[in-house]
């Protein structure tokens, strides 16, 4: 629960600090433009990716410790149909990388003796996609690698 609150706070801060033509978070006390406070709302895909990241942090620790891996989290399959912030990003390249990520994730659970390699293959798919699509989370994603 503590990790969720920290993650939510970070996401909220990031959302409020993003700059665009129209600010996503504005103050009610802004007398020049008289705008109301608007809370940043994550797209389905952004929320799913945050969830997958947290799940993979836990999985990484289980793999490193040699613990039981468990079952493939079926909600990961939502990557194929979750609504994106920018729907134009849901192109052939994204679909290919998403399929590679899912296949690597499934192999972790099907072939646990090679879990480290499959896990890192999944992280590679994330990195390749984010290098092209949305580079912001790359440093965070790269921390998932199991050395």
N, C-alpha and C. Protein backbone atom coordinates (compact mmCIF):
# COMPACT_ATOMS: atom_id res chain seq x y z
N UNK A 1 0.83 -1.18 0.00
CA UNK A 1 0.00 0.00 0.00
C UNK A 1 0.87 1.25 0.00
N UNK A 2 1.99 1.18 0.73
CA UNK A 2 2.89 2.32 0.81
C UNK A 2 3.48 2.62 -0.56
N UNK A 3 3.86 1.55 -1.31
CA UNK A 3 4.41 1.73 -2.64
C UNK A 3 3.36 2.36 -3.56
N UNK A 4 2.11 1.93 -3.42
CA UNK A 4 1.04 2.48 -4.25
C UNK A 4 0.89 3.98 -3.99
N UNK A 5 0.91 4.39 -2.73
CA UNK A 5 0.77 5.80 -2.40
C UNK A 5 1.93 6.62 -2.95
N UNK A 6 3.14 6.08 -2.84
CA UNK A 6 4.31 6.78 -3.37
C UNK A 6 4.19 6.88 -4.89
N UNK A 7 3.81 5.77 -5.54
CA UNK A 7 3.65 5.75 -6.99
C UNK A 7 2.57 6.74 -7.42
N UNK A 8 1.45 6.76 -6.71
CA UNK A 8 0.36 7.68 -7.05
C UNK A 8 0.83 9.13 -6.91
N UNK A 9 1.58 9.42 -5.85
CA UNK A 9 2.08 10.78 -5.65
C UNK A 9 3.03 11.20 -6.77
N UNK A 10 3.90 10.29 -7.17
CA UNK A 10 4.84 10.59 -8.24
C UNK A 10 4.09 10.85 -9.54
N UNK A 11 3.12 9.98 -9.84
CA UNK A 11 2.34 10.14 -11.07
C UNK A 11 1.59 11.47 -11.04
N UNK A 12 1.03 11.82 -9.90
CA UNK A 12 0.31 13.08 -9.77
C UNK A 12 1.23 14.26 -10.00
N UNK A 13 2.42 14.21 -9.41
CA UNK A 13 3.39 15.29 -9.58
C UNK A 13 3.85 15.40 -11.03
N UNK A 14 4.11 14.27 -11.65
CA UNK A 14 4.54 14.28 -13.05
C UNK A 14 3.44 14.86 -13.91
N UNK A 15 2.22 14.43 -13.68
CA UNK A 15 1.08 14.93 -14.46
C UNK A 15 0.91 16.42 -14.30
N UNK A 16 1.11 16.92 -13.12
CA UNK A 16 0.92 18.35 -12.87
C UNK A 16 2.09 19.18 -13.39
N UNK A 17 3.24 18.56 -13.58
CA UNK A 17 4.40 19.31 -14.04
C UNK A 17 4.59 19.27 -15.54
N UNK A 18 3.81 18.44 -16.26
CA UNK A 18 3.94 18.36 -17.70
C UNK A 18 3.55 19.69 -18.31
N UNK A 19 4.32 20.11 -19.29
CA UNK A 19 4.02 21.37 -19.95
C UNK A 19 3.47 21.07 -21.34
N UNK A 20 2.42 21.75 -21.68
CA UNK A 20 1.84 21.65 -23.01
C UNK A 20 1.16 22.96 -23.31
N UNK A 21 0.55 23.04 -24.49
CA UNK A 21 -0.11 24.29 -24.85
C UNK A 21 -1.17 24.64 -23.82
N UNK A 22 -1.90 23.65 -23.38
CA UNK A 22 -2.90 23.87 -22.34
C UNK A 22 -2.43 23.09 -21.11
N UNK A 23 -2.18 23.77 -20.04
CA UNK A 23 -1.68 23.14 -18.82
C UNK A 23 -2.69 22.12 -18.33
N UNK A 24 -2.19 20.95 -17.89
CA UNK A 24 -3.07 19.92 -17.38
C UNK A 24 -3.49 20.19 -15.96
N UNK A 25 -2.72 20.93 -15.22
CA UNK A 25 -3.07 21.28 -13.85
C UNK A 25 -2.92 22.78 -13.70
N UNK A 26 -3.99 23.44 -13.31
CA UNK A 26 -3.94 24.87 -13.12
C UNK A 26 -4.51 25.20 -11.77
N UNK A 27 -4.13 26.32 -11.25
CA UNK A 27 -4.57 26.74 -9.93
C UNK A 27 -5.86 27.53 -10.02
N UNK A 28 -6.74 27.35 -9.03
CA UNK A 28 -7.97 28.12 -8.97
C UNK A 28 -7.68 29.58 -8.71
N UNK A 29 -6.53 29.87 -8.14
CA UNK A 29 -6.20 31.26 -7.81
C UNK A 29 -5.55 32.00 -8.98
N UNK A 30 -5.51 31.38 -10.15
CA UNK A 30 -4.94 32.02 -11.32
C UNK A 30 -5.93 33.05 -11.85
N UNK A 31 -5.77 34.30 -11.45
CA UNK A 31 -6.74 35.34 -11.77
C UNK A 31 -6.63 35.83 -13.20
N UNK A 32 -5.49 35.67 -13.85
CA UNK A 32 -5.33 36.15 -15.21
C UNK A 32 -6.19 35.37 -16.20
N UNK A 33 -6.26 34.04 -16.01
CA UNK A 33 -7.01 33.21 -16.97
C UNK A 33 -8.28 32.63 -16.37
N UNK A 34 -8.43 32.73 -15.06
CA UNK A 34 -9.61 32.23 -14.37
C UNK A 34 -9.91 30.75 -14.69
N UNK A 35 -8.84 29.92 -14.72
CA UNK A 35 -9.00 28.50 -15.00
C UNK A 35 -9.26 27.74 -13.71
N UNK A 36 -9.96 26.66 -13.81
CA UNK A 36 -10.25 25.78 -12.68
C UNK A 36 -9.17 24.70 -12.61
N UNK A 37 -8.98 24.17 -11.43
CA UNK A 37 -8.04 23.08 -11.21
C UNK A 37 -8.53 21.84 -11.95
N UNK A 38 -7.64 21.24 -12.74
CA UNK A 38 -7.97 20.01 -13.45
C UNK A 38 -6.95 18.95 -13.08
N UNK A 39 -7.44 17.81 -12.65
CA UNK A 39 -6.56 16.71 -12.25
C UNK A 39 -6.17 15.89 -13.47
N UNK A 40 -4.88 15.58 -13.58
CA UNK A 40 -4.40 14.72 -14.66
C UNK A 40 -4.99 13.34 -14.49
N UNK A 41 -5.52 12.79 -15.56
CA UNK A 41 -6.08 11.44 -15.51
C UNK A 41 -5.28 10.55 -16.46
N UNK A 42 -4.75 9.47 -15.91
CA UNK A 42 -3.95 8.54 -16.69
C UNK A 42 -4.83 7.81 -17.68
N UNK A 43 -4.27 7.53 -18.86
CA UNK A 43 -4.98 6.69 -19.82
C UNK A 43 -4.97 5.25 -19.29
N UNK A 44 -5.80 4.41 -19.89
CA UNK A 44 -5.82 2.99 -19.50
C UNK A 44 -4.43 2.38 -19.69
N UNK A 45 -3.78 2.73 -20.80
CA UNK A 45 -2.46 2.15 -21.09
C UNK A 45 -1.43 2.62 -20.06
N UNK A 46 -1.44 3.89 -19.72
CA UNK A 46 -0.48 4.40 -18.73
C UNK A 46 -0.69 3.70 -17.40
N UNK A 47 -1.94 3.54 -16.98
CA UNK A 47 -2.25 2.87 -15.72
C UNK A 47 -1.81 1.40 -15.78
N UNK A 48 -2.06 0.75 -16.92
CA UNK A 48 -1.65 -0.64 -17.07
C UNK A 48 -0.12 -0.76 -17.00
N UNK A 49 0.57 0.14 -17.66
CA UNK A 49 2.04 0.08 -17.64
C UNK A 49 2.59 0.32 -16.24
N UNK A 50 1.98 1.20 -15.50
CA UNK A 50 2.39 1.42 -14.10
C UNK A 50 2.19 0.13 -13.30
N UNK A 51 1.05 -0.51 -13.51
CA UNK A 51 0.74 -1.76 -12.82
C UNK A 51 1.75 -2.86 -13.21
N UNK A 52 2.06 -2.95 -14.50
CA UNK A 52 3.02 -3.95 -14.97
C UNK A 52 4.41 -3.68 -14.39
N UNK A 53 4.76 -2.42 -14.27
CA UNK A 53 6.06 -2.08 -13.70
C UNK A 53 6.15 -2.57 -12.25
N UNK A 54 5.15 -2.26 -11.46
CA UNK A 54 5.14 -2.67 -10.05
C UNK A 54 5.18 -4.20 -9.94
N UNK A 55 4.37 -4.86 -10.75
CA UNK A 55 4.34 -6.33 -10.76
C UNK A 55 5.72 -6.89 -11.11
N UNK A 56 6.39 -6.27 -12.09
CA UNK A 56 7.71 -6.75 -12.50
C UNK A 56 8.79 -6.43 -11.48
N UNK A 57 8.63 -5.38 -10.70
CA UNK A 57 9.57 -5.14 -9.60
C UNK A 57 9.52 -6.32 -8.62
N UNK A 58 8.32 -6.75 -8.29
CA UNK A 58 8.15 -7.88 -7.37
C UNK A 58 8.67 -9.17 -8.00
N UNK A 59 8.37 -9.36 -9.27
CA UNK A 59 8.82 -10.56 -9.98
C UNK A 59 10.35 -10.61 -10.02
N UNK A 60 10.97 -9.49 -10.28
CA UNK A 60 12.43 -9.40 -10.31
C UNK A 60 13.02 -9.91 -8.99
N UNK A 61 12.47 -9.46 -7.88
CA UNK A 61 12.97 -9.88 -6.57
C UNK A 61 12.76 -11.38 -6.36
N UNK A 62 11.62 -11.91 -6.79
CA UNK A 62 11.38 -13.36 -6.65
C UNK A 62 12.38 -14.15 -7.48
N UNK A 63 12.65 -13.69 -8.70
CA UNK A 63 13.61 -14.38 -9.56
C UNK A 63 15.00 -14.33 -8.94
N UNK A 64 15.42 -13.17 -8.46
CA UNK A 64 16.75 -13.03 -7.87
C UNK A 64 16.92 -13.92 -6.64
N UNK A 65 15.85 -14.07 -5.86
CA UNK A 65 15.92 -14.88 -4.65
C UNK A 65 15.70 -16.36 -4.92
N UNK A 66 15.28 -16.71 -6.13
CA UNK A 66 14.99 -18.10 -6.46
C UNK A 66 13.67 -18.56 -5.88
N UNK A 67 12.80 -17.61 -5.55
CA UNK A 67 11.47 -17.95 -5.01
C UNK A 67 10.57 -18.51 -6.10
N UNK A 68 9.42 -19.00 -5.68
CA UNK A 68 8.40 -19.47 -6.60
C UNK A 68 7.93 -18.29 -7.44
N UNK A 69 7.80 -18.51 -8.73
CA UNK A 69 7.45 -17.43 -9.65
C UNK A 69 5.95 -17.12 -9.62
N UNK A 70 5.13 -18.13 -9.52
CA UNK A 70 3.69 -17.91 -9.49
C UNK A 70 3.07 -18.10 -10.86
N UNK A 71 1.96 -17.38 -11.09
CA UNK A 71 1.22 -17.50 -12.34
C UNK A 71 1.32 -16.21 -13.15
N UNK A 72 1.28 -16.37 -14.47
CA UNK A 72 1.31 -15.23 -15.36
C UNK A 72 0.13 -14.30 -15.06
N UNK A 73 0.38 -13.02 -14.85
CA UNK A 73 -0.71 -12.07 -14.58
C UNK A 73 -1.51 -11.79 -15.85
N UNK A 74 -2.67 -12.38 -15.96
CA UNK A 74 -3.46 -12.31 -17.19
C UNK A 74 -3.87 -10.88 -17.56
N UNK A 75 -3.90 -9.97 -16.58
CA UNK A 75 -4.27 -8.59 -16.92
C UNK A 75 -3.22 -7.93 -17.82
N UNK A 76 -2.02 -8.52 -17.92
CA UNK A 76 -1.01 -7.99 -18.83
C UNK A 76 -1.49 -8.03 -20.28
N UNK A 77 -2.39 -8.97 -20.59
CA UNK A 77 -2.90 -9.11 -21.95
C UNK A 77 -3.72 -7.90 -22.37
N UNK A 78 -4.10 -7.06 -21.43
CA UNK A 78 -4.83 -5.83 -21.75
C UNK A 78 -3.97 -4.87 -22.57
N UNK A 79 -2.67 -5.12 -22.63
CA UNK A 79 -1.77 -4.25 -23.40
C UNK A 79 -2.22 -4.16 -24.86
N UNK A 80 -2.90 -5.20 -25.34
CA UNK A 80 -3.34 -5.23 -26.73
C UNK A 80 -4.58 -4.38 -26.99
N UNK A 81 -5.30 -4.02 -25.92
CA UNK A 81 -6.53 -3.26 -26.17
C UNK A 81 -6.76 -2.06 -25.25
N UNK A 82 -5.86 -1.80 -24.35
CA UNK A 82 -6.01 -0.64 -23.46
C UNK A 82 -5.94 0.65 -24.28
N UNK A 83 -6.74 1.62 -23.88
CA UNK A 83 -6.79 2.90 -24.58
C UNK A 83 -5.54 3.71 -24.23
N UNK A 84 -4.89 4.22 -25.25
CA UNK A 84 -3.65 4.98 -25.08
C UNK A 84 -3.95 6.47 -24.97
N UNK A 85 -3.00 7.20 -24.42
CA UNK A 85 -3.10 8.65 -24.36
C UNK A 85 -3.21 9.20 -25.78
N UNK A 86 -2.35 8.72 -26.65
CA UNK A 86 -2.38 9.12 -28.06
C UNK A 86 -2.60 7.85 -28.88
N UNK A 87 -3.79 7.68 -29.41
CA UNK A 87 -4.15 6.45 -30.13
C UNK A 87 -3.29 6.21 -31.36
N UNK A 88 -2.64 7.24 -31.90
CA UNK A 88 -1.78 7.03 -33.07
C UNK A 88 -0.54 6.22 -32.70
N UNK A 89 -0.24 6.12 -31.40
CA UNK A 89 0.89 5.31 -30.96
C UNK A 89 0.60 3.82 -31.05
N UNK A 90 -0.65 3.45 -31.19
CA UNK A 90 -1.03 2.04 -31.27
C UNK A 90 -0.89 1.56 -32.72
N UNK A 91 0.36 1.53 -33.18
CA UNK A 91 0.66 1.17 -34.55
C UNK A 91 1.31 -0.21 -34.61
N UNK A 92 1.76 -0.60 -35.80
CA UNK A 92 2.36 -1.92 -35.99
C UNK A 92 3.60 -2.12 -35.12
N UNK A 93 4.42 -1.09 -34.97
CA UNK A 93 5.62 -1.19 -34.15
C UNK A 93 5.25 -1.47 -32.70
N UNK A 94 4.29 -0.72 -32.16
CA UNK A 94 3.85 -0.95 -30.79
C UNK A 94 3.32 -2.36 -30.63
N UNK A 95 2.49 -2.79 -31.55
CA UNK A 95 1.89 -4.13 -31.47
C UNK A 95 2.95 -5.22 -31.48
N UNK A 96 3.99 -5.02 -32.29
CA UNK A 96 5.08 -6.00 -32.35
C UNK A 96 5.83 -6.06 -31.01
N UNK A 97 6.16 -4.89 -30.45
CA UNK A 97 6.89 -4.85 -29.19
C UNK A 97 6.03 -5.38 -28.04
N UNK A 98 4.74 -5.07 -28.07
CA UNK A 98 3.82 -5.58 -27.04
C UNK A 98 3.76 -7.10 -27.09
N UNK A 99 3.71 -7.66 -28.31
CA UNK A 99 3.68 -9.12 -28.47
C UNK A 99 4.97 -9.75 -27.95
N UNK A 100 6.11 -9.12 -28.23
CA UNK A 100 7.40 -9.62 -27.73
C UNK A 100 7.44 -9.57 -26.21
N UNK A 101 6.93 -8.49 -25.64
CA UNK A 101 6.89 -8.35 -24.19
C UNK A 101 6.04 -9.46 -23.57
N UNK A 102 4.84 -9.66 -24.11
CA UNK A 102 3.93 -10.68 -23.57
C UNK A 102 4.54 -12.07 -23.70
N UNK A 103 5.15 -12.36 -24.84
CA UNK A 103 5.76 -13.69 -25.04
C UNK A 103 6.87 -13.92 -24.01
N UNK A 104 7.71 -12.91 -23.81
CA UNK A 104 8.81 -13.04 -22.83
C UNK A 104 8.24 -13.22 -21.43
N UNK A 105 7.19 -12.47 -21.10
CA UNK A 105 6.57 -12.61 -19.78
C UNK A 105 5.98 -14.00 -19.59
N UNK A 106 5.30 -14.51 -20.60
CA UNK A 106 4.71 -15.85 -20.49
C UNK A 106 5.80 -16.91 -20.31
N UNK A 107 6.92 -16.74 -21.01
CA UNK A 107 8.02 -17.71 -20.91
C UNK A 107 8.61 -17.75 -19.51
N UNK A 108 8.57 -16.65 -18.79
CA UNK A 108 9.07 -16.65 -17.41
C UNK A 108 8.35 -17.71 -16.60
N UNK A 109 7.05 -17.79 -16.79
CA UNK A 109 6.21 -18.71 -16.01
C UNK A 109 6.23 -20.12 -16.58
N UNK A 110 6.45 -20.24 -17.90
CA UNK A 110 6.49 -21.55 -18.54
C UNK A 110 7.85 -22.22 -18.40
N UNK A 111 8.91 -21.43 -18.32
CA UNK A 111 10.28 -21.92 -18.28
C UNK A 111 11.05 -21.22 -17.16
N UNK A 112 10.66 -21.48 -15.89
CA UNK A 112 11.26 -20.74 -14.77
C UNK A 112 12.77 -20.91 -14.60
N UNK A 113 13.33 -21.98 -15.14
CA UNK A 113 14.78 -22.14 -14.96
C UNK A 113 15.55 -21.10 -15.79
N UNK A 114 14.92 -20.53 -16.80
CA UNK A 114 15.53 -19.46 -17.60
C UNK A 114 14.79 -18.13 -17.39
N UNK A 115 14.21 -17.99 -16.21
CA UNK A 115 13.37 -16.82 -15.91
C UNK A 115 14.14 -15.51 -16.06
N UNK A 116 15.38 -15.49 -15.63
CA UNK A 116 16.17 -14.25 -15.70
C UNK A 116 16.28 -13.78 -17.16
N UNK A 117 16.62 -14.69 -18.06
CA UNK A 117 16.76 -14.32 -19.48
C UNK A 117 15.43 -13.85 -20.06
N UNK A 118 14.36 -14.57 -19.77
CA UNK A 118 13.04 -14.19 -20.29
C UNK A 118 12.61 -12.84 -19.72
N UNK A 119 12.89 -12.63 -18.44
CA UNK A 119 12.55 -11.36 -17.80
C UNK A 119 13.28 -10.21 -18.51
N UNK A 120 14.58 -10.36 -18.71
CA UNK A 120 15.36 -9.32 -19.37
C UNK A 120 14.92 -9.12 -20.83
N UNK A 121 14.48 -10.19 -21.48
CA UNK A 121 13.94 -10.06 -22.84
C UNK A 121 12.68 -9.19 -22.82
N UNK A 122 11.85 -9.37 -21.81
CA UNK A 122 10.66 -8.54 -21.66
C UNK A 122 11.02 -7.08 -21.44
N UNK A 123 12.02 -6.84 -20.61
CA UNK A 123 12.48 -5.47 -20.36
C UNK A 123 13.04 -4.88 -21.66
N UNK A 124 13.76 -5.70 -22.44
CA UNK A 124 14.28 -5.23 -23.73
C UNK A 124 13.16 -4.75 -24.65
N UNK A 125 12.05 -5.49 -24.69
CA UNK A 125 10.91 -5.09 -25.53
C UNK A 125 10.37 -3.75 -25.06
N UNK A 126 10.29 -3.55 -23.76
CA UNK A 126 9.83 -2.27 -23.22
C UNK A 126 10.77 -1.14 -23.63
N UNK A 127 12.07 -1.38 -23.47
CA UNK A 127 13.06 -0.36 -23.79
C UNK A 127 12.99 0.00 -25.27
N UNK A 128 12.97 -1.01 -26.14
CA UNK A 128 12.92 -0.73 -27.59
C UNK A 128 11.70 0.12 -27.94
N UNK A 129 10.57 -0.20 -27.37
CA UNK A 129 9.34 0.53 -27.67
C UNK A 129 9.43 1.96 -27.13
N UNK A 130 9.87 2.11 -25.90
CA UNK A 130 9.94 3.43 -25.28
C UNK A 130 11.03 4.30 -25.90
N UNK A 131 12.03 3.71 -26.52
CA UNK A 131 13.02 4.51 -27.24
C UNK A 131 12.38 5.22 -28.43
N UNK A 132 11.33 4.63 -28.98
CA UNK A 132 10.65 5.19 -30.14
C UNK A 132 9.41 5.99 -29.74
N UNK A 133 8.64 5.50 -28.79
CA UNK A 133 7.33 6.07 -28.49
C UNK A 133 7.37 7.15 -27.40
N UNK A 134 7.73 6.78 -26.22
CA UNK A 134 7.64 7.70 -25.08
C UNK A 134 8.87 7.45 -24.21
N UNK A 135 9.87 8.26 -24.38
CA UNK A 135 11.15 8.02 -23.71
C UNK A 135 11.20 8.36 -22.24
N UNK A 136 10.21 9.06 -21.73
CA UNK A 136 10.23 9.51 -20.35
C UNK A 136 10.56 8.44 -19.32
N UNK A 137 9.89 7.29 -19.37
CA UNK A 137 10.14 6.27 -18.33
C UNK A 137 11.36 5.38 -18.57
N UNK A 138 12.16 5.64 -19.59
CA UNK A 138 13.30 4.76 -19.88
C UNK A 138 14.24 4.54 -18.70
N UNK A 139 14.68 5.56 -17.99
CA UNK A 139 15.58 5.29 -16.86
C UNK A 139 14.95 4.35 -15.82
N UNK A 140 13.67 4.54 -15.58
CA UNK A 140 12.96 3.69 -14.62
C UNK A 140 12.87 2.25 -15.14
N UNK A 141 12.53 2.10 -16.40
CA UNK A 141 12.41 0.75 -16.99
C UNK A 141 13.73 0.01 -16.94
N UNK A 142 14.82 0.71 -17.26
CA UNK A 142 16.14 0.07 -17.29
C UNK A 142 16.57 -0.43 -15.91
N UNK A 143 16.00 0.11 -14.86
CA UNK A 143 16.30 -0.38 -13.50
C UNK A 143 15.73 -1.77 -13.26
N UNK A 144 14.83 -2.21 -14.11
CA UNK A 144 14.25 -3.54 -13.95
C UNK A 144 15.20 -4.68 -14.33
N UNK A 145 16.17 -4.38 -15.18
CA UNK A 145 17.07 -5.45 -15.63
C UNK A 145 17.65 -6.22 -14.45
N UNK A 146 17.72 -7.53 -14.63
CA UNK A 146 18.38 -8.38 -13.65
C UNK A 146 19.80 -8.58 -14.14
N UNK A 147 20.75 -8.20 -13.32
CA UNK A 147 22.16 -8.30 -13.73
C UNK A 147 22.73 -9.65 -13.39
